[in-house]
Amino acid sequence: MTAAAPATPRRFPWAVYWILFALIGLVAMLPLFTFFLSIALAGAYNCDISESVRSICEIGGTDMGEWLQAGMFSFFYLFVTWPLAFLLFIVWLIVLLVHRARHGAAARAQ
């Protein structure tokens, strides 16, 4: 009779957790990216974008003033995305710790 080969323990799926962590960070920082992109475009095309008055900004023959103004206001969405990202991070961390503990216990049981 031949003995069955010992089962090799499965590796912990770190890649999935790092990808989810990066997505949480991206959600948190997306308003900053749009804010700085709007500022950079307005500066590159010499456009005056203000909070109160809609101005005209021609980029490639299209008026983009309203879009740049909305992009500059996206900074205020940080008040929504940062608390949301913090809650998602807490959930991510709890799931990671529970999964890691169960994975370690299952590996020791084999």
N, C-alpha and C. Protein backbone atom coordinates (compact mmCIF):
# COMPACT_ATOMS: atom_id res chain seq x y z
N MET A 1 0.83 -1.18 0.00
CA MET A 1 0.00 0.00 0.00
C MET A 1 0.88 1.25 0.00
N THR A 2 0.46 2.19 -0.77
CA THR A 2 1.20 3.45 -0.81
C THR A 2 0.47 4.49 0.02
N ALA A 3 1.24 5.26 0.69
CA ALA A 3 0.64 6.32 1.51
C ALA A 3 0.34 7.52 0.62
N ALA A 4 -0.75 8.16 0.93
CA ALA A 4 -1.13 9.36 0.16
C ALA A 4 -0.14 10.47 0.46
N ALA A 5 0.18 11.21 -0.56
CA ALA A 5 1.10 12.33 -0.39
C ALA A 5 0.43 13.39 0.48
N PRO A 6 1.20 14.00 1.38
CA PRO A 6 0.60 15.04 2.23
C PRO A 6 0.16 16.23 1.37
N ALA A 7 -1.01 16.72 1.71
CA ALA A 7 -1.55 17.86 0.97
C ALA A 7 -0.74 19.11 1.28
N THR A 8 -0.39 19.82 0.24
CA THR A 8 0.34 21.06 0.46
C THR A 8 -0.66 22.14 0.85
N PRO A 9 -0.31 22.94 1.82
CA PRO A 9 -1.26 23.98 2.24
C PRO A 9 -1.43 25.03 1.15
N ARG A 10 -2.65 25.50 1.03
CA ARG A 10 -2.94 26.54 0.05
C ARG A 10 -2.34 27.85 0.52
N ARG A 11 -1.87 28.61 -0.45
CA ARG A 11 -1.29 29.92 -0.14
C ARG A 11 -2.40 30.91 0.17
N PHE A 12 -2.09 31.85 1.03
CA PHE A 12 -3.07 32.89 1.37
C PHE A 12 -3.19 33.86 0.19
N PRO A 13 -4.41 34.26 -0.19
CA PRO A 13 -4.60 35.11 -1.38
C PRO A 13 -4.31 36.59 -1.10
N TRP A 14 -3.06 36.92 -0.90
CA TRP A 14 -2.67 38.30 -0.62
C TRP A 14 -2.99 39.25 -1.77
N ALA A 15 -2.87 38.77 -2.99
CA ALA A 15 -3.08 39.65 -4.15
C ALA A 15 -4.48 40.23 -4.16
N VAL A 16 -5.48 39.43 -3.80
CA VAL A 16 -6.86 39.92 -3.77
C VAL A 16 -6.99 41.05 -2.75
N TYR A 17 -6.39 40.87 -1.60
CA TYR A 17 -6.49 41.90 -0.56
C TYR A 17 -5.75 43.17 -0.94
N TRP A 18 -4.60 43.05 -1.61
CA TRP A 18 -3.87 44.25 -2.03
C TRP A 18 -4.62 44.99 -3.13
N ILE A 19 -5.27 44.26 -4.03
CA ILE A 19 -6.06 44.92 -5.08
C ILE A 19 -7.24 45.66 -4.47
N LEU A 20 -7.93 45.03 -3.51
CA LEU A 20 -9.05 45.71 -2.85
C LEU A 20 -8.57 46.94 -2.07
N PHE A 21 -7.41 46.83 -1.43
CA PHE A 21 -6.85 47.97 -0.70
C PHE A 21 -6.55 49.13 -1.66
N ALA A 22 -6.01 48.82 -2.83
CA ALA A 22 -5.72 49.86 -3.82
C ALA A 22 -7.01 50.50 -4.33
N LEU A 23 -8.06 49.71 -4.53
CA LEU A 23 -9.34 50.26 -4.97
C LEU A 23 -9.96 51.18 -3.91
N ILE A 24 -9.82 50.82 -2.65
CA ILE A 24 -10.31 51.69 -1.57
C ILE A 24 -9.55 53.01 -1.59
N GLY A 25 -8.24 52.96 -1.77
CA GLY A 25 -7.44 54.18 -1.86
C GLY A 25 -7.81 55.02 -3.07
N LEU A 26 -8.09 54.36 -4.19
CA LEU A 26 -8.48 55.09 -5.39
C LEU A 26 -9.82 55.80 -5.20
N VAL A 27 -10.77 55.13 -4.57
CA VAL A 27 -12.07 55.76 -4.28
C VAL A 27 -11.88 56.98 -3.39
N ALA A 28 -10.98 56.86 -2.42
CA ALA A 28 -10.76 57.97 -1.49
C ALA A 28 -10.11 59.17 -2.18
N MET A 29 -9.23 58.92 -3.12
CA MET A 29 -8.46 60.01 -3.73
C MET A 29 -8.99 60.51 -5.06
N LEU A 30 -10.02 59.91 -5.59
CA LEU A 30 -10.55 60.31 -6.89
C LEU A 30 -10.96 61.79 -6.95
N PRO A 31 -11.62 62.35 -5.92
CA PRO A 31 -11.91 63.79 -6.00
C PRO A 31 -10.67 64.67 -6.06
N LEU A 32 -9.60 64.25 -5.42
CA LEU A 32 -8.35 65.03 -5.51
C LEU A 32 -7.78 64.98 -6.92
N PHE A 33 -7.84 63.81 -7.56
CA PHE A 33 -7.33 63.70 -8.92
C PHE A 33 -8.09 64.62 -9.86
N THR A 34 -9.41 64.63 -9.77
CA THR A 34 -10.20 65.49 -10.66
C THR A 34 -9.98 66.97 -10.34
N PHE A 35 -9.81 67.28 -9.07
CA PHE A 35 -9.54 68.66 -8.67
C PHE A 35 -8.24 69.17 -9.28
N PHE A 36 -7.17 68.39 -9.12
CA PHE A 36 -5.87 68.82 -9.64
C PHE A 36 -5.83 68.79 -11.17
N LEU A 37 -6.54 67.86 -11.78
CA LEU A 37 -6.61 67.84 -13.24
C LEU A 37 -7.33 69.09 -13.76
N SER A 38 -8.39 69.52 -13.09
CA SER A 38 -9.10 70.73 -13.50
C SER A 38 -8.22 71.96 -13.35
N ILE A 39 -7.49 72.02 -12.26
CA ILE A 39 -6.59 73.16 -12.06
C ILE A 39 -5.49 73.17 -13.13
N ALA A 40 -4.94 71.99 -13.43
CA ALA A 40 -3.87 71.92 -14.42
C ALA A 40 -4.37 72.30 -15.81
N LEU A 41 -5.54 71.82 -16.19
CA LEU A 41 -6.09 72.18 -17.50
C LEU A 41 -6.43 73.65 -17.59
N ALA A 42 -7.02 74.20 -16.54
CA ALA A 42 -7.35 75.63 -16.55
C ALA A 42 -6.08 76.47 -16.64
N GLY A 43 -5.04 76.07 -15.95
CA GLY A 43 -3.78 76.81 -16.02
C GLY A 43 -3.10 76.66 -17.36
N ALA A 44 -3.17 75.48 -17.96
CA ALA A 44 -2.51 75.25 -19.25
C ALA A 44 -3.17 76.04 -20.38
N TYR A 45 -4.47 76.24 -20.29
CA TYR A 45 -5.20 76.96 -21.34
C TYR A 45 -5.56 78.39 -20.93
N ASN A 46 -4.95 78.90 -19.88
CA ASN A 46 -5.15 80.28 -19.41
C ASN A 46 -6.62 80.62 -19.20
N CYS A 47 -7.32 79.74 -18.51
CA CYS A 47 -8.74 79.96 -18.24
C CYS A 47 -8.92 80.44 -16.81
N ASP A 48 -9.85 81.36 -16.62
CA ASP A 48 -10.21 81.81 -15.28
C ASP A 48 -11.44 81.04 -14.83
N ILE A 49 -11.25 80.20 -13.87
CA ILE A 49 -12.35 79.41 -13.32
C ILE A 49 -12.60 79.90 -11.90
N SER A 50 -13.83 80.35 -11.64
CA SER A 50 -14.16 80.80 -10.30
C SER A 50 -15.31 79.97 -9.75
N GLU A 51 -15.54 80.14 -8.46
CA GLU A 51 -16.60 79.37 -7.80
C GLU A 51 -17.99 79.91 -8.11
N SER A 52 -18.08 81.19 -8.41
CA SER A 52 -19.41 81.81 -8.51
C SER A 52 -19.86 82.08 -9.94
N VAL A 53 -18.95 82.40 -10.84
CA VAL A 53 -19.34 82.82 -12.18
C VAL A 53 -18.87 81.76 -13.18
N ARG A 54 -19.79 81.32 -14.03
CA ARG A 54 -19.43 80.36 -15.08
C ARG A 54 -18.67 81.12 -16.15
N SER A 55 -17.47 80.64 -16.44
CA SER A 55 -16.65 81.31 -17.46
C SER A 55 -16.45 80.38 -18.65
N ILE A 56 -16.06 80.96 -19.75
CA ILE A 56 -15.84 80.20 -20.97
C ILE A 56 -14.37 79.82 -21.04
N CYS A 57 -14.15 78.55 -21.34
CA CYS A 57 -12.78 78.04 -21.50
C CYS A 57 -12.78 77.14 -22.72
N GLU A 58 -12.18 77.62 -23.80
CA GLU A 58 -12.15 76.87 -25.06
C GLU A 58 -10.95 75.92 -25.04
N ILE A 59 -11.26 74.63 -25.13
CA ILE A 59 -10.22 73.60 -25.25
C ILE A 59 -10.58 72.75 -26.46
N GLY A 60 -9.76 72.82 -27.48
CA GLY A 60 -10.02 72.06 -28.69
C GLY A 60 -11.30 72.46 -29.39
N GLY A 61 -11.69 73.71 -29.29
CA GLY A 61 -12.89 74.20 -29.95
C GLY A 61 -14.18 73.93 -29.18
N THR A 62 -14.06 73.39 -27.98
CA THR A 62 -15.24 73.09 -27.17
C THR A 62 -15.15 73.87 -25.86
N ASP A 63 -16.29 74.42 -25.43
CA ASP A 63 -16.33 75.14 -24.16
C ASP A 63 -16.31 74.13 -23.02
N MET A 64 -15.23 74.11 -22.26
CA MET A 64 -15.07 73.18 -21.14
C MET A 64 -15.11 73.89 -19.79
N GLY A 65 -15.54 75.15 -19.77
CA GLY A 65 -15.56 75.92 -18.53
C GLY A 65 -16.44 75.30 -17.46
N GLU A 66 -17.60 74.82 -17.85
CA GLU A 66 -18.51 74.22 -16.87
C GLU A 66 -17.93 72.93 -16.29
N TRP A 67 -17.29 72.13 -17.14
CA TRP A 67 -16.67 70.89 -16.66
C TRP A 67 -15.49 71.17 -15.73
N LEU A 68 -14.70 72.18 -16.06
CA LEU A 68 -13.56 72.53 -15.19
C LEU A 68 -14.05 73.07 -13.85
N GLN A 69 -15.12 73.84 -13.89
CA GLN A 69 -15.69 74.36 -12.64
C GLN A 69 -16.22 73.21 -11.78
N ALA A 70 -16.89 72.25 -12.40
CA ALA A 70 -17.38 71.08 -11.65
C ALA A 70 -16.21 70.27 -11.11
N GLY A 71 -15.14 70.16 -11.88
CA GLY A 71 -13.97 69.43 -11.40
C GLY A 71 -13.31 70.11 -10.22
N MET A 72 -13.34 71.45 -10.21
CA MET A 72 -12.76 72.16 -9.07
C MET A 72 -13.63 72.01 -7.83
N PHE A 73 -14.93 71.87 -8.02
CA PHE A 73 -15.82 71.65 -6.88
C PHE A 73 -15.77 70.22 -6.37
N SER A 74 -15.18 69.32 -7.13
CA SER A 74 -15.12 67.92 -6.70
C SER A 74 -14.27 67.76 -5.44
N PHE A 75 -13.48 68.76 -5.11
CA PHE A 75 -12.70 68.72 -3.88
C PHE A 75 -13.60 68.50 -2.66
N PHE A 76 -14.81 69.04 -2.70
CA PHE A 76 -15.72 68.92 -1.56
C PHE A 76 -16.27 67.50 -1.40
N TYR A 77 -16.15 66.68 -2.44
CA TYR A 77 -16.57 65.28 -2.31
C TYR A 77 -15.64 64.49 -1.39
N LEU A 78 -14.51 65.06 -1.02
CA LEU A 78 -13.63 64.40 -0.05
C LEU A 78 -14.35 64.20 1.28
N PHE A 79 -15.30 65.07 1.59
CA PHE A 79 -16.05 64.93 2.83
C PHE A 79 -16.96 63.70 2.81
N VAL A 80 -17.17 63.14 1.63
CA VAL A 80 -17.95 61.91 1.49
C VAL A 80 -17.03 60.70 1.31
N THR A 81 -16.04 60.85 0.42
CA THR A 81 -15.23 59.69 0.07
C THR A 81 -14.26 59.28 1.16
N TRP A 82 -13.72 60.21 1.93
CA TRP A 82 -12.77 59.80 2.98
C TRP A 82 -13.45 59.04 4.11
N PRO A 83 -14.60 59.47 4.63
CA PRO A 83 -15.26 58.63 5.62
C PRO A 83 -15.69 57.28 5.05
N LEU A 84 -16.16 57.28 3.79
CA LEU A 84 -16.53 56.02 3.16
C LEU A 84 -15.32 55.10 3.02
N ALA A 85 -14.20 55.65 2.60
CA ALA A 85 -12.99 54.85 2.46
C ALA A 85 -12.50 54.35 3.82
N PHE A 86 -12.67 55.15 4.86
CA PHE A 86 -12.27 54.71 6.20
C PHE A 86 -13.12 53.53 6.65
N LEU A 87 -14.44 53.61 6.42
CA LEU A 87 -15.31 52.49 6.77
C LEU A 87 -14.98 51.25 5.95
N LEU A 88 -14.72 51.42 4.66
CA LEU A 88 -14.34 50.29 3.82
C LEU A 88 -13.02 49.69 4.28
N PHE A 89 -12.08 50.53 4.72
CA PHE A 89 -10.81 50.03 5.23
C PHE A 89 -11.00 49.21 6.50
N ILE A 90 -11.87 49.67 7.39
CA ILE A 90 -12.13 48.92 8.63
C ILE A 90 -12.73 47.55 8.29
N VAL A 91 -13.70 47.53 7.38
CA VAL A 91 -14.31 46.25 6.96
C VAL A 91 -13.25 45.37 6.30
N TRP A 92 -12.42 45.95 5.44
CA TRP A 92 -11.35 45.21 4.76
C TRP A 92 -10.40 44.60 5.78
N LEU A 93 -10.02 45.37 6.79
CA LEU A 93 -9.08 44.90 7.80
C LEU A 93 -9.68 43.77 8.63
N ILE A 94 -10.93 43.90 9.01
CA ILE A 94 -11.58 42.84 9.80
C ILE A 94 -11.68 41.55 8.99
N VAL A 95 -12.10 41.67 7.73
CA VAL A 95 -12.19 40.48 6.88
C VAL A 95 -10.81 39.86 6.68
N LEU A 96 -9.80 40.68 6.48
CA LEU A 96 -8.43 40.17 6.33
C LEU A 96 -7.98 39.42 7.57
N LEU A 97 -8.19 40.00 8.74
CA LEU A 97 -7.73 39.36 9.98
C LEU A 97 -8.48 38.06 10.25
N VAL A 98 -9.78 38.05 10.03
CA VAL A 98 -10.56 36.82 10.25
C VAL A 98 -10.14 35.75 9.24
N HIS A 99 -10.02 36.14 7.98
CA HIS A 99 -9.62 35.17 6.96
C HIS A 99 -8.22 34.62 7.24
N ARG A 100 -7.31 35.49 7.64
CA ARG A 100 -5.93 35.06 7.94
C ARG A 100 -5.91 34.11 9.13
N ALA A 101 -6.71 34.40 10.16
CA ALA A 101 -6.75 33.52 11.33
C ALA A 101 -7.33 32.16 10.97
N ARG A 102 -8.40 32.14 10.20
CA ARG A 102 -8.99 30.86 9.79
C ARG A 102 -8.10 30.10 8.84
N HIS A 103 -7.42 30.82 7.97
CA HIS A 103 -6.50 30.15 7.04
C HIS A 103 -5.34 29.53 7.81
N GLY A 104 -4.83 30.23 8.81
CA GLY A 104 -3.73 29.68 9.62
C GLY A 104 -4.19 28.48 10.43
N ALA A 105 -5.41 28.53 10.96
CA ALA A 105 -5.93 27.41 11.75
C ALA A 105 -6.16 26.20 10.85
N ALA A 106 -6.64 26.41 9.64
CA ALA A 106 -6.86 25.30 8.72
C ALA A 106 -5.52 24.69 8.29
N ALA A 107 -4.50 25.51 8.13
CA ALA A 107 -3.19 24.99 7.73
C ALA A 107 -2.56 24.17 8.84
N ARG A 108 -2.76 24.60 10.10
CA ARG A 108 -2.20 23.85 11.24
C ARG A 108 -2.95 22.54 11.47
N ALA A 109 -4.22 22.48 11.09
CA ALA A 109 -5.03 21.28 11.30
C ALA A 109 -4.64 20.16 10.34
N GLN A 110 -4.06 20.53 9.21
CA GLN A 110 -3.69 19.50 8.23
C GLN A 110 -2.43 18.82 8.57
